[in-house]
Amino acid sequence: MQLFQLRVSAALALLLCSLAAGQVSQCAPADSPRLRFVAQLSVNGCALFVHDTGASDGPHLAVEPLMCVTDSLRGIVPRFDFITQQLYFSVPVLMRDAGMLAEAQRQLRHLSPRSVSFATVTNISVSADTRSSSRVLLQNDSIFDLDLHRQRFSPLPTCRQLKFIRTVNLENCSARVHQRLDIKGHFLIEPLLCHNISSLSSESVRYDYSRDMHYLKLDLVLQDEATRDAVRTQLADLSPRSVDFMRLWTAERSVSSSLSARFEVGPLMASADWRSAQLRLLCGNLRSCRKLRTALLAEPADLWRHVQWRVTSLVAEQCLSNSSRITSSWRMKPSEDAASCSSLKSCARLQCASAQRTAGSSSAVQLQPDGRCFLKIQQRLTGIVSFQRSWTEYETGFGDGTDFWIGLSAIHSLSQGGVTLRVEMKLWNGSELHAEYAGFQVGDASTGYRMTYREMLRDRSSVSFDALERHKGMRFSTMDRDNDKASYSCSKKQGKGGWWFNYCHNFNPNGVFSCRWKITDHSYMCWYSRPVWLSLCEVRLMLQI
C-alpha cells in the first residue's frame, strides 16, 4: 500500500467531510496517442480508471493512482504548523493497493489482459478555491523540496542569541560552530552541505521522465553523528554540555553563467530526517551526464566553484539563523589561508604563497628559479585528453590534472589589467624552449575573448622569433564558432582545437597531440621558429601571479 498525506487548511474541513464516504471524484486524462481509456471500476468505494497502454503485445492495462480517501475523517483533529503559523489537517490518501489491484484484475479478465498494473506517479497538482490551500506530500518518500518550507518567514524570530565560535576542519569537510549565549555550554553546528563523493556511482546517472532529460544525482550530507563527535572533541577546551545540528531551512543556490550554459541545476531536496540532501544536474543526454560524472570523480571541487549557497538554518525554538555569507557546498579541508581567498586570482596567489613557503610546487602552480610564481592555464604532457572541443568547453575548461585547459572565463579573470605570459615547450630531441610576454590580457565573452599583449620579453625568452605576434588582437575560435580571418575554419582545418587563429597560426598548442618525431603537419602541436617549424611533444602556458 502507498499513501500520500493530503495537507489542507482549516477552511477545507467541511469539504473534506464530504469525502468520508470513501471516494474522490476523478477525471480521466485527455486522450493520448499511447493511452486509451478502457473502463471505470469501483473497488471498496474507490474509483479505478483503467487505460490500455497501446503495447503491440497487449493488452497491457494501466490503472491510474487511486487518490482515494478510505479512512474516516471523524477522528482527525487540526494541527498547528509552527513554521507557517497555520492550522492544517493531515488526511491519508491511498495511491495504490495490492488487494484493489487483484480485484481490478478479476473484473477485467474478460479483456484477457497480458498485465494489469498501477501507473507510475510522476507529478501531482492540487487545486482549491481561493479561500483555502492544499498540498500533497508523498508520505513514504525520503526527500522533499526545500522550497515548500519557504512560505512565510515573518512569524519566525531571528536568533540573536548565537555567536560564531570557530570552523572545525575535519578529514573531508568543515563545520561552522556557534555558541548559544542564552544556554551555557550549548553549541550548534550549521548544516554541512558536504558532497558525498563516494556515492557517485554509475547509478547516479538517471532519467527524468517528466522533463525528458537525463540528470546526475548528487548526494550531500547535512549532518551525521561522526561529525558531531568530532566537533565535540575539538571543543573540549570550551567544556560543551551539548552539541546539536541546526536544521536546514533554506539553501538559495547561486550558479555561475559558465555552468548554467551547460547544465541546469535543480533545487536542493532535503531528506525527511534532515540528515542528507540531493541535488540534480540536468545534462540533456546520457553522454553528457556520464562525462560530468567522470569529471566530478576526477576533481570534485571544480563543480563547487560554480555552485554556491546562501544558507538559512532553523534552531530548536523555531527561530531563524540567517547567514549573510555565501558558502560553497564543497567543503574539503581548506588551506590555512582559505578564509582570505575571495577570488580566482587571490586563490592563485595563495597557492603560490603556499608553494613558496614549502619550497615546492603543486600541479597548479610552478616556481621559477628567480622566485616568480606562475599559474598554469594550459598543459599537455600525455595526449590522453582530447583538445578537439566545443566553444562551451573551451569557455568553461576541461581536462585532468595533467592535460587541461583552464577555461577562457578563468583566463579572462586572471589576466585583467595585463599579466606576464610564459610559454614552455619541449621538443622531441629533449630540448626545452620558452618565451615570455608582458601585458598579456584576454577580454570577456562580449569580445569573443580577444587576446592581446604589450611586447615579447626577448631577454627572458630562449627563442628569438615571436610566433605569437600573428595571433595578437584575435578573437578565440573553435570548431563550432569561427572567428578567424581565413575564408575557411582554421580550427577545423588545423587540428580541430580552439585558439586565437588568424590566417591561421604560427603557434598551435591545442592542435593534435603528436606521437612521433618530425611531424610537419600544422594540425599538430607546433611552434614556428623562422625559418623552421618545431614539432612539440610537450607544451604549457602559464600566467605570473
Protein backbone atom coordinates (compact mmCIF):
# COMPACT_ATOMS: atom_id res chain seq x y z
CA MET A 1 0.00 0.00 0.00
CA GLN A 2 1.22 3.52 -0.81
CA LEU A 3 -0.16 6.60 0.91
CA PHE A 4 0.08 10.31 0.31
CA GLN A 5 -0.57 12.87 3.01
CA LEU A 6 -3.02 15.49 1.81
CA ARG A 7 -2.30 18.62 3.83
CA VAL A 8 -5.15 21.11 3.82
CA SER A 9 -6.05 24.31 5.62
CA ALA A 10 -8.87 24.52 8.14
CA ALA A 11 -11.11 26.19 5.56
CA LEU A 12 -11.27 22.88 3.68
CA ALA A 13 -12.53 20.88 6.63
CA LEU A 14 -16.17 20.93 5.56
CA LEU A 15 -15.23 20.00 2.02
CA LEU A 16 -13.24 17.01 3.21
CA CYS A 17 -16.05 15.78 5.40
CA SER A 18 -17.95 15.03 2.22
CA LEU A 19 -15.17 12.63 1.28
CA ALA A 20 -15.78 10.44 4.31
CA ALA A 21 -17.94 8.15 2.20
CA GLY A 22 -14.72 6.99 0.67
CA GLN A 23 -14.49 8.16 -2.93
CA VAL A 24 -12.66 11.08 -4.51
CA SER A 25 -14.05 12.11 -7.87
CA GLN A 26 -11.56 11.91 -10.73
CA CYS A 27 -11.41 12.83 -14.37
CA ALA A 28 -9.85 10.63 -16.98
CA PRO A 29 -6.85 12.31 -18.64
CA ALA A 30 -7.08 13.76 -22.11
CA ASP A 31 -6.71 11.33 -24.98
CA SER A 32 -3.10 10.32 -25.60
CA PRO A 33 -1.55 8.67 -28.66
CA ARG A 34 -0.48 5.78 -26.42
CA LEU A 35 -3.23 5.58 -23.80
CA ARG A 36 -6.84 4.57 -24.49
CA PHE A 37 -9.48 4.73 -21.78
CA VAL A 38 -10.92 1.24 -21.17
CA ALA A 39 -13.11 1.18 -18.09
CA GLN A 40 -14.03 2.71 -14.75
CA LEU A 41 -14.26 0.26 -11.86
CA SER A 42 -15.39 0.60 -8.25
CA VAL A 43 -13.45 -1.32 -5.62
CA ASN A 44 -14.14 -0.82 -1.90
CA GLY A 45 -15.65 2.57 -2.61
CA CYS A 46 -12.68 3.80 -4.64
CA ALA A 47 -12.88 4.66 -8.33
CA LEU A 48 -10.32 2.92 -10.58
CA PHE A 49 -9.72 4.36 -14.04
CA VAL A 50 -8.16 1.83 -16.42
CA HIS A 51 -6.30 2.56 -19.68
CA ASP A 52 -4.79 0.43 -22.44
CA THR A 53 -1.12 1.38 -22.92
CA GLY A 54 -1.23 0.50 -26.62
CA ALA A 55 1.61 -2.02 -26.47
CA SER A 56 1.85 -4.25 -29.56
CA ASP A 57 1.91 -7.47 -27.50
CA GLY A 58 -1.00 -6.33 -25.30
CA PRO A 59 -3.35 -5.59 -23.98
CA HIS A 60 -1.27 -4.20 -21.10
CA LEU A 61 -3.56 -2.22 -18.81
CA ALA A 62 -2.56 0.69 -16.54
CA VAL A 63 -4.61 1.79 -13.54
CA GLU A 64 -4.43 5.46 -12.53
CA PRO A 65 -3.21 6.17 -8.97
CA LEU A 66 -6.24 5.83 -6.71
CA MET A 67 -6.17 9.23 -4.96
CA CYS A 68 -8.83 7.76 -2.66
CA VAL A 69 -9.64 8.68 0.95
CA THR A 70 -10.64 5.43 2.66
CA ASP A 71 -10.32 6.19 6.38
CA SER A 72 -12.93 8.03 8.42
CA LEU A 73 -12.21 11.73 8.93
CA ARG A 74 -14.07 11.99 12.21
CA GLY A 75 -11.01 11.19 14.31
CA ILE A 76 -8.78 13.70 12.52
CA VAL A 77 -8.02 16.82 14.53
CA PRO A 78 -6.41 20.02 13.30
CA ARG A 79 -2.68 20.54 13.87
CA PHE A 80 -0.64 23.69 14.17
CA ASP A 81 2.35 24.31 11.92
CA PHE A 82 4.88 26.36 13.90
CA ILE A 83 6.73 27.13 10.69
CA THR A 84 3.84 28.58 8.68
CA GLN A 85 1.76 29.59 11.72
CA GLN A 86 -1.27 27.85 10.20
CA LEU A 87 -3.79 25.18 11.16
CA TYR A 88 -3.95 22.15 8.91
CA PHE A 89 -5.39 18.64 8.64
CA SER A 90 -3.38 15.58 7.55
CA VAL A 91 -5.60 13.29 5.51
CA PRO A 92 -4.33 9.86 4.34
CA VAL A 93 -4.85 9.47 0.60
CA LEU A 94 -4.47 5.98 -0.87
CA MET A 95 -2.37 5.83 -4.04
CA ARG A 96 -2.14 2.09 -4.74
CA ASP A 97 -3.19 -1.12 -3.04
CA ALA A 98 -2.36 -4.75 -3.90
CA GLY A 99 -5.79 -6.03 -2.88
CA MET A 100 -7.59 -3.49 -5.03
CA LEU A 101 -5.31 -4.31 -7.96
CA ALA A 102 -6.15 -8.01 -7.63
CA GLU A 103 -9.87 -7.18 -7.62
CA ALA A 104 -9.41 -4.99 -10.69
CA GLN A 105 -7.66 -7.86 -12.49
CA ARG A 106 -10.65 -10.10 -11.67
CA GLN A 107 -13.14 -7.55 -13.01
CA LEU A 108 -11.05 -7.06 -16.19
CA ARG A 109 -10.46 -10.72 -17.02
CA HIS A 110 -12.99 -10.58 -19.85
CA LEU A 111 -10.45 -8.39 -21.70
CA SER A 112 -7.74 -11.11 -21.34
CA PRO A 113 -5.06 -8.58 -20.35
CA ARG A 114 -1.38 -9.58 -20.51
CA SER A 115 -0.76 -7.43 -17.43
CA VAL A 116 -2.56 -5.02 -15.11
CA SER A 117 -0.52 -2.58 -13.02
CA PHE A 118 -0.66 0.85 -11.46
CA ALA A 119 0.72 3.74 -13.50
CA THR A 120 3.80 5.47 -12.11
CA VAL A 121 3.26 8.80 -10.35
CA THR A 122 5.43 11.50 -11.93
CA ASN A 123 3.61 14.67 -10.93
CA ILE A 124 0.67 15.69 -8.72
CA SER A 125 -1.07 19.04 -8.56
CA VAL A 126 -3.94 20.03 -6.29
CA SER A 127 -6.38 22.84 -6.94
CA ALA A 128 -8.53 24.57 -4.33
CA ASP A 129 -10.69 27.67 -4.01
CA THR A 130 -9.05 30.98 -3.25
CA ARG A 131 -10.12 30.89 0.39
CA SER A 132 -8.05 27.81 1.17
CA SER A 133 -4.97 25.97 0.16
CA SER A 134 -3.84 22.38 -0.03
CA ARG A 135 -0.70 20.47 -0.80
CA VAL A 136 0.06 16.82 -1.48
CA LEU A 137 3.16 15.27 0.10
CA LEU A 138 4.44 11.75 -0.51
CA GLN A 139 4.47 10.25 2.98
CA ASN A 140 6.90 7.40 2.41
CA ASP A 141 9.29 9.30 0.17
CA SER A 142 12.72 10.17 1.56
CA ILE A 143 13.18 13.66 0.11
CA PHE A 144 11.17 16.83 -0.39
CA ASP A 145 11.70 20.20 -1.97
CA LEU A 146 13.05 22.79 0.44
CA ASP A 147 11.11 25.48 -1.42
CA LEU A 148 7.94 24.11 0.18
CA HIS A 149 9.28 25.32 3.53
CA ARG A 150 9.89 28.91 2.45
CA GLN A 151 6.33 30.14 2.60
CA ARG A 152 6.47 32.61 5.46
CA PHE A 153 9.45 33.97 7.34
CA SER A 154 7.80 36.81 9.24
CA PRO A 155 6.30 34.75 12.12
CA LEU A 156 9.72 33.28 12.91
CA PRO A 157 12.02 35.39 15.09
CA THR A 158 15.65 35.79 14.08
CA CYS A 159 18.03 34.14 16.52
CA ARG A 160 20.27 36.79 18.01
CA GLN A 161 21.49 34.64 20.87
CA LEU A 162 24.01 32.85 18.64
CA LYS A 163 27.69 33.68 18.45
CA PHE A 164 30.01 32.19 15.85
CA ILE A 165 32.89 30.42 17.59
CA ARG A 166 35.08 28.64 15.06
CA THR A 167 35.31 26.49 11.99
CA VAL A 168 36.22 22.90 12.78
CA ASN A 169 38.20 21.27 10.00
CA LEU A 170 37.50 17.58 9.56
CA GLU A 171 39.10 14.99 7.29
CA ASN A 172 36.99 15.77 4.22
CA CYS A 173 34.64 18.51 5.37
CA SER A 174 34.46 21.55 7.63
CA ALA A 175 31.82 22.56 10.15
CA ARG A 176 30.92 26.07 11.33
CA VAL A 177 30.09 26.05 15.05
CA HIS A 178 28.02 28.61 17.01
CA GLN A 179 27.57 29.03 20.76
CA ARG A 180 24.22 29.70 22.41
CA LEU A 181 24.52 32.83 24.53
CA ASP A 182 21.34 32.08 26.49
CA ILE A 183 22.20 28.47 27.36
CA LYS A 184 25.61 27.88 28.86
CA GLY A 185 27.68 25.16 27.22
CA HIS A 186 25.28 24.59 24.31
CA PHE A 187 26.73 24.62 20.78
CA LEU A 188 25.11 24.39 17.36
CA ILE A 189 26.59 23.23 14.05
CA GLU A 190 25.46 24.67 10.72
CA PRO A 191 24.17 22.16 8.13
CA LEU A 192 27.26 20.73 6.48
CA LEU A 193 26.31 20.68 2.78
CA CYS A 194 29.22 18.36 2.08
CA HIS A 195 29.30 16.36 -1.12
CA ASN A 196 29.48 12.60 -0.56
CA ILE A 197 31.76 11.74 -3.49
CA SER A 198 31.78 8.03 -2.60
CA SER A 199 28.09 7.81 -3.52
CA LEU A 200 28.72 8.92 -7.11
CA SER A 201 28.24 5.57 -8.84
CA SER A 202 27.07 4.70 -12.35
CA GLU A 203 23.54 4.57 -10.91
CA SER A 204 23.79 8.29 -10.16
CA VAL A 205 23.04 8.98 -13.82
CA ARG A 206 19.25 8.79 -14.08
CA TYR A 207 16.39 9.81 -16.32
CA ASP A 208 13.68 12.34 -15.53
CA TYR A 209 10.63 11.22 -17.48
CA SER A 210 8.66 14.36 -16.69
CA ARG A 211 11.43 16.54 -18.20
CA ASP A 212 12.55 14.03 -20.82
CA MET A 213 16.16 14.60 -19.77
CA HIS A 214 19.00 12.70 -18.14
CA TYR A 215 20.41 14.04 -14.90
CA LEU A 216 23.23 13.37 -12.44
CA LYS A 217 22.11 12.85 -8.84
CA LEU A 218 24.44 14.32 -6.25
CA ASP A 219 24.18 13.29 -2.59
CA LEU A 220 25.07 15.84 0.07
CA VAL A 221 25.46 15.38 3.81
CA LEU A 222 23.65 17.81 6.10
CA GLN A 223 24.52 16.19 9.44
CA ASP A 224 25.96 12.97 10.81
CA GLU A 225 27.00 11.55 14.15
CA ALA A 226 30.67 11.25 13.25
CA THR A 227 30.86 14.99 12.62
CA ARG A 228 29.04 15.74 15.88
CA ASP A 229 31.51 13.60 17.84
CA ALA A 230 34.50 15.18 16.10
CA VAL A 231 33.23 18.68 16.82
CA ARG A 232 32.59 17.82 20.45
CA THR A 233 36.16 16.56 20.77
CA GLN A 234 37.64 19.70 19.21
CA LEU A 235 35.51 21.89 21.51
CA ALA A 236 36.85 20.20 24.63
CA ASP A 237 38.54 23.43 25.73
CA LEU A 238 35.11 25.07 25.95
CA SER A 239 33.57 22.27 28.06
CA PRO A 240 30.49 21.68 25.88
CA ARG A 241 27.40 20.28 27.58
CA SER A 242 25.59 19.59 24.32
CA VAL A 243 26.35 19.79 20.60
CA ASP A 244 23.46 19.69 18.13
CA PHE A 245 22.90 20.44 14.47
CA MET A 246 20.83 23.31 13.18
CA ARG A 247 18.17 22.25 10.71
CA LEU A 248 18.48 23.46 7.15
CA TRP A 249 15.66 25.88 6.41
CA THR A 250 16.61 27.30 3.01
CA ALA A 251 19.57 26.98 0.70
CA GLU A 252 19.40 29.55 -2.09
CA ARG A 253 21.74 28.48 -4.84
CA SER A 254 23.88 30.77 -6.95
CA VAL A 255 25.04 29.24 -10.23
CA SER A 256 27.73 30.75 -12.44
CA SER A 257 26.87 31.55 -16.05
CA SER A 258 29.59 29.15 -17.17
CA LEU A 259 27.86 26.21 -15.51
CA SER A 260 24.30 27.23 -16.34
CA ALA A 261 25.26 27.41 -20.01
CA ARG A 262 25.92 23.67 -19.93
CA PHE A 263 23.74 22.22 -17.17
CA GLU A 264 20.54 23.05 -15.34
CA VAL A 265 20.93 22.92 -11.57
CA GLY A 266 17.77 21.74 -9.83
CA PRO A 267 16.55 22.67 -6.34
CA LEU A 268 18.08 21.15 -3.23
CA MET A 269 15.93 18.26 -1.96
CA ALA A 270 16.24 17.52 1.76
CA SER A 271 15.59 14.15 3.37
CA ALA A 272 12.75 13.71 5.83
CA ASP A 273 15.20 13.24 8.72
CA TRP A 274 17.25 16.31 7.68
CA ARG A 275 20.45 14.28 7.58
CA SER A 276 21.05 14.36 3.84
CA ALA A 277 20.02 16.15 0.66
CA GLN A 278 20.07 15.62 -3.08
CA LEU A 279 20.85 17.90 -5.99
CA ARG A 280 20.12 17.20 -9.65
CA LEU A 281 22.24 18.38 -12.55
CA LEU A 282 20.17 18.04 -15.73
CA CYS A 283 22.57 17.22 -18.54
CA GLY A 284 20.27 16.79 -21.53
CA ASN A 285 21.63 13.45 -22.67
CA LEU A 286 23.24 10.31 -21.28
CA ARG A 287 26.71 11.01 -22.69
CA SER A 288 26.90 14.47 -21.12
CA CYS A 289 25.88 13.10 -17.73
CA ARG A 290 28.47 10.35 -17.88
CA LYS A 291 31.18 12.84 -18.82
CA LEU A 292 30.08 15.09 -15.97
CA ARG A 293 30.26 12.18 -13.52
CA THR A 294 33.78 11.31 -14.72
CA ALA A 295 34.86 14.94 -14.30
CA LEU A 296 33.46 15.08 -10.76
CA LEU A 297 35.23 11.88 -9.76
CA ALA A 298 38.50 13.30 -11.10
CA GLU A 299 38.18 16.71 -9.43
CA PRO A 300 35.02 17.31 -7.36
CA ALA A 301 35.96 20.84 -6.35
CA ASP A 302 35.66 22.05 -9.95
CA LEU A 303 31.87 21.86 -9.79
CA TRP A 304 31.56 23.66 -6.48
CA ARG A 305 33.49 26.64 -7.77
CA HIS A 306 30.36 27.32 -9.83
CA VAL A 307 27.59 26.43 -7.33
CA GLN A 308 27.31 28.28 -4.05
CA TRP A 309 24.65 28.55 -1.36
CA ARG A 310 23.20 31.23 0.86
CA VAL A 311 22.10 29.17 3.84
CA THR A 312 19.45 29.91 6.45
CA SER A 313 19.09 27.46 9.36
CA LEU A 314 16.40 26.73 11.90
CA VAL A 315 17.18 26.16 15.57
CA ALA A 316 15.12 24.21 18.06
CA GLU A 317 12.95 27.13 19.23
CA GLN A 318 11.67 27.81 15.71
CA CYS A 319 13.80 30.86 15.12
CA LEU A 320 15.92 31.53 12.09
CA SER A 321 19.68 31.88 11.95
CA ASN A 322 20.33 33.96 8.85
CA SER A 323 23.70 33.54 7.18
CA SER A 324 24.77 36.56 5.16
CA ARG A 325 27.67 34.74 3.59
CA ILE A 326 27.62 32.54 0.53
CA THR A 327 29.33 29.23 1.17
CA SER A 328 30.48 26.59 -1.25
CA SER A 329 28.75 23.26 -0.86
CA TRP A 330 32.05 21.51 -1.46
CA ARG A 331 33.85 21.85 1.84
CA MET A 332 37.01 19.85 1.56
CA LYS A 333 39.56 20.70 4.21
CA PRO A 334 40.71 24.25 3.35
CA SER A 335 44.23 25.61 3.38
CA GLU A 336 45.41 27.85 6.20
CA ASP A 337 44.62 30.96 4.19
CA ALA A 338 41.30 29.80 2.77
CA ALA A 339 39.38 32.48 4.67
CA SER A 340 41.07 35.27 2.71
CA CYS A 341 40.66 33.60 -0.68
CA SER A 342 37.89 35.72 -2.23
CA SER A 343 38.55 35.47 -5.97
CA LEU A 344 40.20 33.25 -8.55
CA LYS A 345 43.25 35.48 -8.67
CA SER A 346 43.58 35.70 -4.88
CA CYS A 347 43.26 31.90 -4.63
CA ALA A 348 46.04 31.51 -7.19
CA ARG A 349 48.23 33.89 -5.20
CA LEU A 350 47.57 31.87 -2.05
CA GLN A 351 48.66 28.72 -3.88
CA CYS A 352 51.83 30.47 -4.94
CA ALA A 353 52.48 31.71 -1.40
CA SER A 354 51.96 28.20 -0.05
CA ALA A 355 54.35 26.76 -2.63
CA GLN A 356 56.98 29.35 -1.77
CA ARG A 357 56.69 28.61 1.97
CA THR A 358 57.17 24.91 1.38
CA ALA A 359 59.81 25.41 -1.32
CA GLY A 360 57.80 23.18 -3.61
CA SER A 361 55.11 23.37 -6.25
CA SER A 362 51.71 21.90 -6.88
CA SER A 363 50.13 20.68 -10.09
CA ALA A 364 48.52 24.11 -10.49
CA VAL A 365 51.49 26.42 -9.88
CA GLN A 366 55.14 26.48 -10.88
CA LEU A 367 58.00 28.37 -9.25
CA GLN A 368 60.83 29.80 -11.30
CA PRO A 369 64.44 29.88 -10.01
CA ASP A 370 64.13 33.65 -9.61
CA GLY A 371 61.25 33.20 -7.16
CA ARG A 372 58.45 34.19 -9.55
CA CYS A 373 55.28 32.10 -9.36
CA PHE A 374 53.17 31.10 -12.36
CA LEU A 375 49.73 29.54 -12.56
CA LYS A 376 49.24 27.00 -15.33
CA ILE A 377 46.32 27.77 -17.63
CA GLN A 378 47.08 25.07 -20.24
CA GLN A 379 49.21 21.95 -20.21
CA ARG A 380 49.70 18.94 -22.49
CA LEU A 381 52.06 16.18 -21.44
CA THR A 382 50.44 12.84 -22.31
CA GLY A 383 47.88 13.37 -25.06
CA ILE A 384 45.25 11.43 -23.10
CA VAL A 385 42.85 14.39 -23.02
CA SER A 386 41.42 15.43 -26.40
CA PHE A 387 41.55 19.15 -27.16
CA GLN A 388 39.05 18.85 -30.02
CA ARG A 389 36.34 20.61 -28.04
CA SER A 390 33.38 22.94 -28.49
CA TRP A 391 33.21 26.65 -27.69
CA THR A 392 31.39 25.99 -24.41
CA GLU A 393 34.08 23.54 -23.27
CA TYR A 394 36.88 25.97 -24.10
CA GLU A 395 34.97 28.68 -22.26
CA THR A 396 34.45 26.67 -19.06
CA GLY A 397 37.55 24.46 -19.14
CA PHE A 398 38.26 20.74 -19.36
CA GLY A 399 40.87 18.07 -18.73
CA ASP A 400 42.52 16.36 -15.77
CA GLY A 401 45.44 17.16 -13.50
CA THR A 402 47.99 16.56 -16.27
CA ASP A 403 46.46 17.65 -19.58
CA PHE A 404 44.00 20.53 -19.27
CA TRP A 405 42.66 23.90 -20.42
CA ILE A 406 41.59 26.07 -17.50
CA GLY A 407 38.86 27.90 -19.45
CA LEU A 408 38.54 31.25 -21.23
CA SER A 409 36.39 32.79 -18.50
CA ALA A 410 39.05 31.92 -15.91
CA ILE A 411 41.86 33.23 -18.13
CA HIS A 412 39.95 36.49 -18.53
CA SER A 413 39.60 36.83 -14.74
CA LEU A 414 43.27 36.06 -14.15
CA SER A 415 44.64 38.38 -16.85
CA GLN A 416 42.64 41.56 -16.20
CA GLY A 417 44.96 44.55 -16.23
CA GLY A 418 47.68 42.58 -18.03
CA VAL A 419 49.99 39.88 -16.71
CA THR A 420 53.12 38.07 -17.83
CA LEU A 421 52.51 35.02 -20.03
CA ARG A 422 55.14 32.27 -20.12
CA VAL A 423 55.12 29.60 -22.84
CA GLU A 424 57.16 26.45 -22.16
CA MET A 425 57.80 23.85 -24.87
CA LYS A 426 59.69 20.59 -25.15
CA LEU A 427 60.97 19.21 -28.45
CA TRP A 428 61.31 15.56 -29.38
CA ASN A 429 65.11 15.72 -29.05
CA GLY A 430 64.72 16.77 -25.40
CA SER A 431 65.40 20.48 -25.91
CA GLU A 432 63.32 22.82 -23.74
CA LEU A 433 62.33 26.27 -25.00
CA HIS A 434 60.40 29.13 -23.50
CA ALA A 435 59.03 32.57 -24.35
CA GLU A 436 57.58 35.32 -22.14
CA TYR A 437 55.19 38.14 -22.95
CA ALA A 438 54.37 41.28 -20.94
CA GLY A 439 50.87 42.73 -20.63
CA PHE A 440 49.08 39.58 -21.74
CA GLN A 441 45.33 40.05 -21.46
CA VAL A 442 42.15 38.22 -22.58
CA GLY A 443 38.85 40.08 -22.87
CA ASP A 444 35.48 38.86 -21.66
CA ALA A 445 32.82 36.91 -23.55
CA SER A 446 31.44 40.04 -25.24
CA THR A 447 34.79 40.50 -27.05
CA GLY A 448 34.99 36.86 -28.11
CA TYR A 449 37.78 36.55 -25.52
CA ARG A 450 40.06 38.71 -27.63
CA MET A 451 43.75 38.21 -26.81
CA THR A 452 46.41 40.90 -26.78
CA TYR A 453 49.78 41.66 -25.15
CA ARG A 454 52.22 44.56 -24.96
CA GLU A 455 55.53 43.01 -26.04
CA MET A 456 57.63 39.88 -26.17
CA LEU A 457 60.28 39.82 -23.41
CA ARG A 458 63.21 38.67 -25.52
CA ASP A 459 65.69 38.87 -22.65
CA ARG A 460 63.56 36.29 -20.82
CA SER A 461 62.97 34.07 -23.85
CA SER A 462 65.10 31.32 -25.37
CA VAL A 463 63.51 31.75 -28.82
CA SER A 464 64.10 34.79 -30.99
CA PHE A 465 61.07 34.77 -33.31
CA ASP A 466 57.73 35.93 -31.89
CA ALA A 467 55.35 33.22 -33.10
CA LEU A 468 52.50 34.68 -31.05
CA GLU A 469 52.52 38.04 -32.88
CA ARG A 470 50.35 36.63 -35.67
CA HIS A 471 47.61 35.91 -33.09
CA LYS A 472 47.70 39.25 -31.30
CA GLY A 473 44.32 41.03 -31.26
CA MET A 474 42.38 37.98 -32.47
CA ARG A 475 39.17 36.58 -31.03
CA PHE A 476 39.08 32.95 -29.95
CA SER A 477 37.86 30.31 -32.42
CA THR A 478 36.65 26.73 -32.10
CA MET A 479 35.16 24.13 -34.42
CA ASP A 480 31.65 25.45 -33.77
CA ARG A 481 32.48 29.18 -33.61
CA ASP A 482 34.72 30.57 -36.36
CA ASN A 483 36.21 33.98 -35.52
CA ASP A 484 39.40 33.82 -37.62
CA LYS A 485 40.19 35.84 -40.76
CA ALA A 486 40.53 32.91 -43.15
CA SER A 487 37.78 32.06 -45.65
CA TYR A 488 37.56 28.62 -44.01
CA SER A 489 37.56 27.46 -40.38
CA CYS A 490 41.15 27.35 -39.14
CA SER A 491 40.05 25.24 -36.18
CA LYS A 492 38.52 22.56 -38.39
CA LYS A 493 41.47 22.55 -40.78
CA GLN A 494 44.29 22.82 -38.23
CA GLY A 495 43.57 20.02 -35.76
CA LYS A 496 40.05 20.99 -34.57
CA GLY A 497 41.38 22.61 -31.39
CA GLY A 498 40.49 26.06 -30.12
CA TRP A 499 42.89 29.01 -30.42
CA TRP A 500 43.30 32.67 -31.34
CA PHE A 501 43.61 31.85 -35.03
CA ASN A 502 44.37 34.45 -37.70
CA TYR A 503 45.31 33.13 -41.20
CA CYS A 504 45.76 30.54 -39.49
CA HIS A 505 48.69 30.29 -37.00
CA ASN A 506 52.37 30.33 -36.11
CA PHE A 507 51.68 28.58 -32.80
CA ASN A 508 49.17 25.77 -32.31
CA PRO A 509 49.42 24.44 -28.71
CA ASN A 510 45.89 23.00 -28.79
CA GLY A 511 46.35 21.09 -32.04
CA VAL A 512 46.57 17.32 -32.37
CA PHE A 513 48.96 15.74 -29.86
CA SER A 514 51.79 14.21 -31.89
CA CYS A 515 53.05 10.72 -31.12
CA ARG A 516 56.18 10.71 -33.23
CA TRP A 517 59.09 12.95 -34.12
CA LYS A 518 59.35 15.32 -37.09
CA ILE A 519 55.70 15.83 -37.91
CA THR A 520 55.40 18.75 -40.32
CA ASP A 521 51.58 18.83 -40.45
CA HIS A 522 50.45 22.17 -38.98
CA SER A 523 47.40 20.45 -37.45
CA TYR A 524 49.69 19.16 -34.69
CA MET A 525 51.23 20.96 -31.71
CA CYS A 526 53.92 23.18 -33.19
CA TRP A 527 55.80 26.49 -32.89
CA TYR A 528 57.18 28.48 -35.81
CA SER A 529 60.81 29.50 -35.27
CA ARG A 530 61.67 31.20 -38.53
CA PRO A 531 62.53 29.64 -40.89
CA VAL A 532 61.59 26.20 -39.43
CA TRP A 533 58.57 24.63 -37.76
CA LEU A 534 59.24 22.91 -34.46
CA SER A 535 57.18 19.82 -33.55
CA LEU A 536 56.33 19.79 -29.84
CA CYS A 537 55.97 16.79 -27.55
CA GLU A 538 55.02 18.92 -24.52
CA VAL A 539 53.65 22.42 -24.03
CA ARG A 540 52.25 24.58 -21.24
CA LEU A 541 51.00 28.16 -20.88
CA MET A 542 51.31 29.98 -17.56
CA LEU A 543 50.39 33.35 -16.09
CA GLN A 544 52.53 35.09 -13.48
CA ILE A 545 50.58 35.69 -10.27
